[in-house]
C-alpha atoms as a PDB file:
ATOM      1  CA  UNK A   1     -24.072 -29.794  91.384  1.00  0.00           C
ATOM      2  CA  UNK A   2     -26.665 -28.566  93.908  1.00  0.00           C
ATOM      3  CA  UNK A   3     -25.924 -29.162  97.590  1.00  0.00           C
ATOM      4  CA  UNK A   4     -28.528 -29.664 100.316  1.00  0.00           C
ATOM      5  CA  UNK A   5     -27.998 -26.121 101.585  1.00  0.00           C
ATOM      6  CA  UNK A   6     -28.025 -24.441  98.159  1.00  0.00           C
ATOM      7  CA  UNK A   7     -30.464 -21.520  98.519  1.00  0.00           C
ATOM      8  CA  UNK A   8     -32.051 -19.567  95.701  1.00  0.00           C
ATOM      9  CA  UNK A   9     -30.344 -16.342  96.797  1.00  0.00           C
ATOM     10  CA  UNK A  10     -26.953 -18.033  96.813  1.00  0.00           C
ATOM     11  CA  UNK A  11     -27.571 -19.644  93.430  1.00  0.00           C
ATOM     12  CA  UNK A  12     -28.384 -16.248  91.903  1.00  0.00           C
ATOM     13  CA  UNK A  13     -25.132 -14.833  93.268  1.00  0.00           C
ATOM     14  CA  UNK A  14     -23.173 -17.656  91.675  1.00  0.00           C
ATOM     15  CA  UNK A  15     -24.989 -18.247  88.388  1.00  0.00           C
ATOM     16  CA  UNK A  16     -26.906 -15.116  87.380  1.00  0.00           C
ATOM     17  CA  UNK A  17     -24.251 -14.205  84.814  1.00  0.00           C
ATOM     18  CA  UNK A  18     -22.969 -17.691  84.072  1.00  0.00           C
ATOM     19  CA  UNK A  19     -21.935 -18.398  80.477  1.00  0.00           C
ATOM     20  CA  UNK A  20     -22.224 -22.160  80.924  1.00  0.00           C
ATOM     21  CA  UNK A  21     -25.052 -22.957  83.337  1.00  0.00           C
ATOM     22  CA  UNK A  22     -28.755 -22.226  83.267  1.00  0.00           C
ATOM     23  CA  UNK A  23     -30.472 -21.137  86.463  1.00  0.00           C
ATOM     24  CA  UNK A  24     -34.253 -21.114  86.830  1.00  0.00           C
ATOM     25  CA  UNK A  25     -36.827 -21.101  89.581  1.00  0.00           C
ATOM     26  CA  UNK A  26     -40.240 -22.673  89.072  1.00  0.00           C
ATOM     27  CA  UNK A  27     -43.082 -21.596  91.345  1.00  0.00           C
ATOM     28  CA  UNK A  28     -45.798 -23.852  92.759  1.00  0.00           C
ATOM     29  CA  UNK A  29     -47.965 -23.198  89.684  1.00  0.00           C
ATOM     30  CA  UNK A  30     -45.322 -24.459  87.258  1.00  0.00           C
ATOM     31  CA  UNK A  31     -44.215 -21.045  86.000  1.00  0.00           C
ATOM     32  CA  UNK A  32     -40.696 -19.714  85.630  1.00  0.00           C
ATOM     33  CA  UNK A  33     -40.406 -16.826  88.072  1.00  0.00           C
ATOM     34  CA  UNK A  34     -36.673 -16.515  87.538  1.00  0.00           C
ATOM     35  CA  UNK A  35     -34.407 -17.268  84.552  1.00  0.00           C
ATOM     36  CA  UNK A  36     -30.796 -16.207  84.230  1.00  0.00           C
ATOM     37  CA  UNK A  37     -29.546 -14.418  81.116  1.00  0.00           C
ATOM     38  CA  UNK A  38     -28.066 -17.542  79.515  1.00  0.00           C
ATOM     39  CA  UNK A  39     -31.390 -19.376  79.700  1.00  0.00           C
ATOM     40  CA  UNK A  40     -33.349 -16.432  78.292  1.00  0.00           C
ATOM     41  CA  UNK A  41     -30.868 -15.924  75.455  1.00  0.00           C
ATOM     42  CA  UNK A  42     -30.968 -19.594  74.458  1.00  0.00           C
ATOM     43  CA  UNK A  43     -34.771 -19.735  74.662  1.00  0.00           C
ATOM     44  CA  UNK A  44     -35.670 -16.224  73.521  1.00  0.00           C
ATOM     45  CA  UNK A  45     -38.415 -17.588  71.245  1.00  0.00           C
ATOM     46  CA  UNK A  46     -40.395 -18.502  74.357  1.00  0.00           C
ATOM     47  CA  UNK A  47     -39.196 -16.414  77.308  1.00  0.00           C
ATOM     48  CA  UNK A  48     -38.167 -12.905  78.282  1.00  0.00           C
ATOM     49  CA  UNK A  49     -37.448 -11.037  81.498  1.00  0.00           C
ATOM     50  CA  UNK A  50     -40.730  -9.141  81.649  1.00  0.00           C
ATOM     51  CA  UNK A  51     -43.197 -12.055  81.560  1.00  0.00           C
ATOM     52  CA  UNK A  52     -43.924 -14.969  83.872  1.00  0.00           C
ATOM     53  CA  UNK A  53     -44.557 -17.946  81.614  1.00  0.00           C
ATOM     54  CA  UNK A  54     -45.120 -21.674  82.001  1.00  0.00           C
ATOM     55  CA  UNK A  55     -42.033 -23.851  82.383  1.00  0.00           C
ATOM     56  CA  UNK A  56     -43.676 -26.323  79.997  1.00  0.00           C
ATOM     57  CA  UNK A  57     -43.880 -23.796  77.163  1.00  0.00           C
ATOM     58  CA  UNK A  58     -40.535 -24.711  75.579  1.00  0.00           C
ATOM     59  CA  UNK A  59     -40.510 -28.303  76.783  1.00  0.00           C
ATOM     60  CA  UNK A  60     -40.594 -31.161  74.290  1.00  0.00           C
ATOM     61  CA  UNK A  61     -44.066 -32.789  74.559  1.00  0.00           C
ATOM     62  CA  UNK A  62     -42.565 -36.214  75.288  1.00  0.00           C
ATOM     63  CA  UNK A  63     -40.717 -34.831  78.332  1.00  0.00           C
ATOM     64  CA  UNK A  64     -43.686 -33.251  80.123  1.00  0.00           C
ATOM     65  CA  UNK A  65     -44.220 -36.314  82.313  1.00  0.00           C
ATOM     66  CA  UNK A  66     -40.550 -36.482  83.323  1.00  0.00           C
ATOM     67  CA  UNK A  67     -40.539 -32.795  84.211  1.00  0.00           C
ATOM     68  CA  UNK A  68     -43.710 -33.076  86.301  1.00  0.00           C
ATOM     69  CA  UNK A  69     -42.502 -36.191  88.127  1.00  0.00           C
ATOM     70  CA  UNK A  70     -39.160 -34.550  88.930  1.00  0.00           C
ATOM     71  CA  UNK A  71     -40.931 -31.495  90.356  1.00  0.00           C
ATOM     72  CA  UNK A  72     -43.128 -33.709  92.524  1.00  0.00           C
ATOM     73  CA  UNK A  73     -40.092 -35.593  93.847  1.00  0.00           C
ATOM     74  CA  UNK A  74     -38.463 -32.313  94.837  1.00  0.00           C
ATOM     75  CA  UNK A  75     -41.583 -31.274  96.747  1.00  0.00           C
ATOM     76  CA  UNK A  76     -41.924 -34.670  98.426  1.00  0.00           C
ATOM     77  CA  UNK A  77     -38.234 -34.769  99.411  1.00  0.00           C
ATOM     78  CA  UNK A  78     -37.119 -31.135  99.842  1.00  0.00           C
ATOM     79  CA  UNK A  79     -33.744 -32.120 101.294  1.00  0.00           C
ATOM     80  CA  UNK A  80     -32.757 -34.080  98.170  1.00  0.00           C
ATOM     81  CA  UNK A  81     -31.618 -33.207  94.653  1.00  0.00           C
ATOM     82  CA  UNK A  82     -33.085 -34.860  91.553  1.00  0.00           C
ATOM     83  CA  UNK A  83     -31.611 -35.022  88.055  1.00  0.00           C
ATOM     84  CA  UNK A  84     -33.414 -35.022  84.711  1.00  0.00           C
ATOM     85  CA  UNK A  85     -32.483 -34.825  81.040  1.00  0.00           C
ATOM     86  CA  UNK A  86     -35.006 -32.666  79.186  1.00  0.00           C
ATOM     87  CA  UNK A  87     -35.383 -31.543  75.601  1.00  0.00           C
ATOM     88  CA  UNK A  88     -36.122 -27.861  75.099  1.00  0.00           C
ATOM     89  CA  UNK A  89     -37.591 -26.596  71.833  1.00  0.00           C
ATOM     90  CA  UNK A  90     -35.220 -24.212  70.052  1.00  0.00           C
ATOM     91  CA  UNK A  91     -37.912 -22.229  68.216  1.00  0.00           C
ATOM     92  CA  UNK A  92     -36.547 -23.404  64.855  1.00  0.00           C
ATOM     93  CA  UNK A  93     -38.271 -26.755  64.595  1.00  0.00           C
ATOM     94  CA  UNK A  94     -35.614 -28.629  66.558  1.00  0.00           C
ATOM     95  CA  UNK A  95     -34.691 -28.982  70.193  1.00  0.00           C
ATOM     96  CA  UNK A  96     -31.816 -28.585  72.636  1.00  0.00           C
ATOM     97  CA  UNK A  97     -30.965 -31.473  74.954  1.00  0.00           C
ATOM     98  CA  UNK A  98     -30.343 -30.263  78.499  1.00  0.00           C
ATOM     99  CA  UNK A  99     -29.288 -31.889  81.756  1.00  0.00           C
ATOM    100  CA  UNK A 100     -30.713 -30.503  85.013  1.00  0.00           C
ATOM    101  CA  UNK A 101     -30.468 -30.889  88.755  1.00  0.00           C
ATOM    102  CA  UNK A 102     -33.486 -29.731  90.735  1.00  0.00           C
ATOM    103  CA  UNK A 103     -34.078 -29.030  94.405  1.00  0.00           C
ATOM    104  CA  UNK A 104     -36.972 -27.575  96.381  1.00  0.00           C
ATOM    105  CA  UNK A 105     -36.516 -23.986  97.572  1.00  0.00           C
ATOM    106  CA  UNK A 106     -37.719 -23.360 101.121  1.00  0.00           C
ATOM    107  CA  UNK A 107     -38.464 -19.860 102.404  1.00  0.00           C
ATOM    108  CA  UNK A 108     -37.713 -18.449 105.870  1.00  0.00           C
ATOM    109  CA  UNK A 109     -40.983 -19.845 107.220  1.00  0.00           C
ATOM    110  CA  UNK A 110     -40.063 -23.368 106.149  1.00  0.00           C
ATOM    111  CA  UNK A 111     -42.571 -23.389 103.284  1.00  0.00           C
ATOM    112  CA  UNK A 112     -41.662 -24.672  99.822  1.00  0.00           C
ATOM    113  CA  UNK A 113     -41.844 -21.692  97.475  1.00  0.00           C
ATOM    114  CA  UNK A 114     -40.857 -23.558  94.339  1.00  0.00           C
ATOM    115  CA  UNK A 115     -38.040 -25.556  92.791  1.00  0.00           C
ATOM    116  CA  UNK A 116     -34.576 -24.364  91.767  1.00  0.00           C
ATOM    117  CA  UNK A 117     -33.078 -25.799  88.585  1.00  0.00           C
ATOM    118  CA  UNK A 118     -29.442 -25.675  87.475  1.00  0.00           C
ATOM    119  CA  UNK A 119     -28.772 -27.056  84.018  1.00  0.00           C
ATOM    120  CA  UNK A 120     -26.538 -27.067  80.966  1.00  0.00           C
ATOM    121  CA  UNK A 121     -26.605 -28.191  77.344  1.00  0.00           C
ATOM    122  CA  UNK A 122     -25.635 -31.756  76.494  1.00  0.00           C
ATOM    123  CA  UNK A 123     -26.808 -31.595  72.876  1.00  0.00           C
ATOM    124  CA  UNK A 124     -23.297 -32.057  71.495  1.00  0.00           C
ATOM    125  CA  UNK A 125     -22.791 -35.263  73.460  1.00  0.00           C
ATOM    126  CA  UNK A 126     -26.125 -36.742  72.377  1.00  0.00           C
ATOM    127  CA  UNK A 127     -25.558 -35.763  68.749  1.00  0.00           C
ATOM    128  CA  UNK A 128     -22.143 -37.415  68.765  1.00  0.00           C
ATOM    129  CA  UNK A 129     -23.694 -40.614  70.124  1.00  0.00           C
ATOM    130  CA  UNK A 130     -26.348 -40.602  67.416  1.00  0.00           C
ATOM    131  CA  UNK A 131     -23.722 -39.848  64.772  1.00  0.00           C
ATOM    132  CA  UNK A 132     -21.557 -42.756  65.923  1.00  0.00           C
ATOM    133  CA  UNK A 133     -24.563 -45.072  65.785  1.00  0.00           C
ATOM    134  CA  UNK A 134     -25.332 -43.922  62.238  1.00  0.00           C
ATOM    135  CA  UNK A 135     -21.719 -44.462  61.142  1.00  0.00           C
ATOM    136  CA  UNK A 136     -21.627 -47.879  62.790  1.00  0.00           C
ATOM    137  CA  UNK A 137     -24.802 -49.015  61.033  1.00  0.00           C
ATOM    138  CA  UNK A 138     -23.557 -47.693  57.691  1.00  0.00           C
ATOM    139  CA  UNK A 139     -20.175 -49.397  57.999  1.00  0.00           C
ATOM    140  CA  UNK A 140     -21.784 -52.626  59.172  1.00  0.00           C
ATOM    141  CA  UNK A 141     -24.048 -52.665  56.124  1.00  0.00           C
ATOM    142  CA  UNK A 142     -21.034 -52.107  53.892  1.00  0.00           C
ATOM    143  CA  UNK A 143     -19.026 -54.797  55.673  1.00  0.00           C
ATOM    144  CA  UNK A 144     -21.915 -57.261  55.420  1.00  0.00           C
ATOM    145  CA  UNK A 145     -22.280 -56.641  51.687  1.00  0.00           C
ATOM    146  CA  UNK A 146     -18.553 -57.068  51.135  1.00  0.00           C
ATOM    147  CA  UNK A 147     -18.621 -60.193  53.276  1.00  0.00           C
ATOM    148  CA  UNK A 148     -21.322 -61.741  51.068  1.00  0.00           C
ATOM    149  CA  UNK A 149     -19.362 -60.828  47.941  1.00  0.00           C
ATOM    150  CA  UNK A 150     -16.234 -62.506  49.312  1.00  0.00           C
ATOM    151  CA  UNK A 151     -18.008 -65.530  50.775  1.00  0.00           C
ATOM    152  CA  UNK A 152     -19.556 -66.476  47.440  1.00  0.00           C
ATOM    153  CA  UNK A 153     -16.226 -67.528  45.844  1.00  0.00           C
ATOM    154  CA  UNK A 154     -15.213 -69.004  49.199  1.00  0.00           C
ATOM    155  CA  UNK A 155     -18.247 -71.288  49.055  1.00  0.00           C
ATOM    156  CA  UNK A 156     -17.247 -72.263  45.519  1.00  0.00           C
ATOM    157  CA  UNK A 157     -13.764 -73.195  46.738  1.00  0.00           C
ATOM    158  CA  UNK A 158     -15.238 -75.365  49.488  1.00  0.00           C
ATOM    159  CA  UNK A 159     -17.413 -77.100  46.902  1.00  0.00           C
ATOM    160  CA  UNK A 160     -14.416 -77.799  44.686  1.00  0.00           C
ATOM    161  CA  UNK A 161     -12.490 -79.135  47.682  1.00  0.00           C
ATOM    162  CA  UNK A 162     -15.244 -81.665  48.337  1.00  0.00           C
ATOM    163  CA  UNK A 163     -15.050 -82.755  44.688  1.00  0.00           C
ATOM    164  CA  UNK A 164     -11.271 -83.021  45.018  1.00  0.00           C
ATOM    165  CA  UNK A 165     -11.640 -85.273  48.054  1.00  0.00           C
ATOM    166  CA  UNK A 166     -13.991 -87.567  46.158  1.00  0.00           C
ATOM    167  CA  UNK A 167     -11.777 -87.730  43.077  1.00  0.00           C
ATOM    168  CA  UNK A 168      -8.671 -88.327  45.157  1.00  0.00           C
ATOM    169  CA  UNK A 169     -10.306 -90.892  47.395  1.00  0.00           C
ATOM    170  CA  UNK A 170      -7.359 -93.257  47.078  1.00  0.00           C
ATOM    171  CA  UNK A 171      -4.669 -90.603  47.563  1.00  0.00           C
ATOM    172  CA  UNK A 172      -3.654 -89.648  51.102  1.00  0.00           C
ATOM    173  CA  UNK A 173      -1.736 -86.664  49.733  1.00  0.00           C
ATOM    174  CA  UNK A 174      -4.832 -85.281  47.980  1.00  0.00           C
ATOM    175  CA  UNK A 175      -6.892 -85.779  51.157  1.00  0.00           C
ATOM    176  CA  UNK A 176      -4.270 -83.916  53.187  1.00  0.00           C
ATOM    177  CA  UNK A 177      -4.283 -80.997  50.732  1.00  0.00           C
ATOM    178  CA  UNK A 178      -8.100 -80.929  50.744  1.00  0.00           C
ATOM    179  CA  UNK A 179      -8.207 -80.893  54.560  1.00  0.00           C
ATOM    180  CA  UNK A 180      -5.751 -77.988  54.670  1.00  0.00           C
ATOM    181  CA  UNK A 181      -7.826 -76.079  52.124  1.00  0.00           C
ATOM    182  CA  UNK A 182     -10.956 -76.601  54.237  1.00  0.00           C
ATOM    183  CA  UNK A 183      -9.114 -75.428  57.342  1.00  0.00           C
ATOM    184  CA  UNK A 184      -7.901 -72.297  55.524  1.00  0.00           C
ATOM    185  CA  UNK A 185     -11.424 -71.541  54.282  1.00  0.00           C
ATOM    186  CA  UNK A 186     -12.830 -71.870  57.810  1.00  0.00           C
ATOM    187  CA  UNK A 187     -10.166 -69.515  59.161  1.00  0.00           C
ATOM    188  CA  UNK A 188     -10.952 -67.019  56.416  1.00  0.00           C
ATOM    189  CA  UNK A 189     -14.648 -67.223  57.285  1.00  0.00           C
ATOM    190  CA  UNK A 190     -13.817 -66.457  60.930  1.00  0.00           C
ATOM    191  CA  UNK A 191     -11.852 -63.419  59.786  1.00  0.00           C
ATOM    192  CA  UNK A 192     -14.964 -62.163  57.985  1.00  0.00           C
ATOM    193  CA  UNK A 193     -16.964 -62.522  61.204  1.00  0.00           C
ATOM    194  CA  UNK A 194     -14.336 -60.595  63.176  1.00  0.00           C
ATOM    195  CA  UNK A 195     -14.382 -57.865  60.535  1.00  0.00           C
ATOM    196  CA  UNK A 196     -17.954 -56.885  61.436  1.00  0.00           C
ATOM    197  CA  UNK A 197     -17.904 -53.520  63.233  1.00  0.00           C
ATOM    198  CA  UNK A 198     -19.301 -53.371  66.748  1.00  0.00           C
ATOM    199  CA  UNK A 199     -21.578 -50.594  68.030  1.00  0.00           C
ATOM    200  CA  UNK A 200     -19.198 -47.862  69.207  1.00  0.00           C
ATOM    201  CA  UNK A 201     -21.920 -46.227  71.312  1.00  0.00           C
ATOM    202  CA  UNK A 202     -22.338 -49.212  73.624  1.00  0.00           C
ATOM    203  CA  UNK A 203     -20.482 -49.199  76.914  1.00  0.00           C
ATOM    204  CA  UNK A 204     -18.111 -52.121  77.491  1.00  0.00           C
ATOM    205  CA  UNK A 205     -19.432 -54.774  79.847  1.00  0.00           C
END
């Protein structure tokens, strides 16, 4: 998203009025010294155009370390871009999941003046993943319960087959029927195993 030669001035020209992408600049003290309109509107509980405020103010507490480490990487390697997924508090007790790419901003004297961040919401994608996991677990529990309910009479059939084999010890025909019944029960049991729903959120190997 951010190229090596992506300057702050150029980023403002491109993204100041963006309806899809956030644009921020963080100074060397960790404060937002620039936020585009989209970012301010989405985080109006914490930021406005007239105040310089800490970039950590709306950050989920568990993501402070990731944010700090990403900033330090940008400073240590100013010619590189670093990505981070950060949760931003929404001011309503929840949070917005955002994906960012950060790069150091260097002034005309070659001094790092801060870090530029370009980001966008990925909340919908994360929520869908969590929803799929919930549905998978629910359906698996249902399938497991149904499997137990069906396997109980299946176990009874297998028990009766064993009795049949004993009673028909002298009859090859009875033994053949019993063996076929056992084979059918085993196949049915395998079908139950295959019926279990796999986690839809996992990537195929």
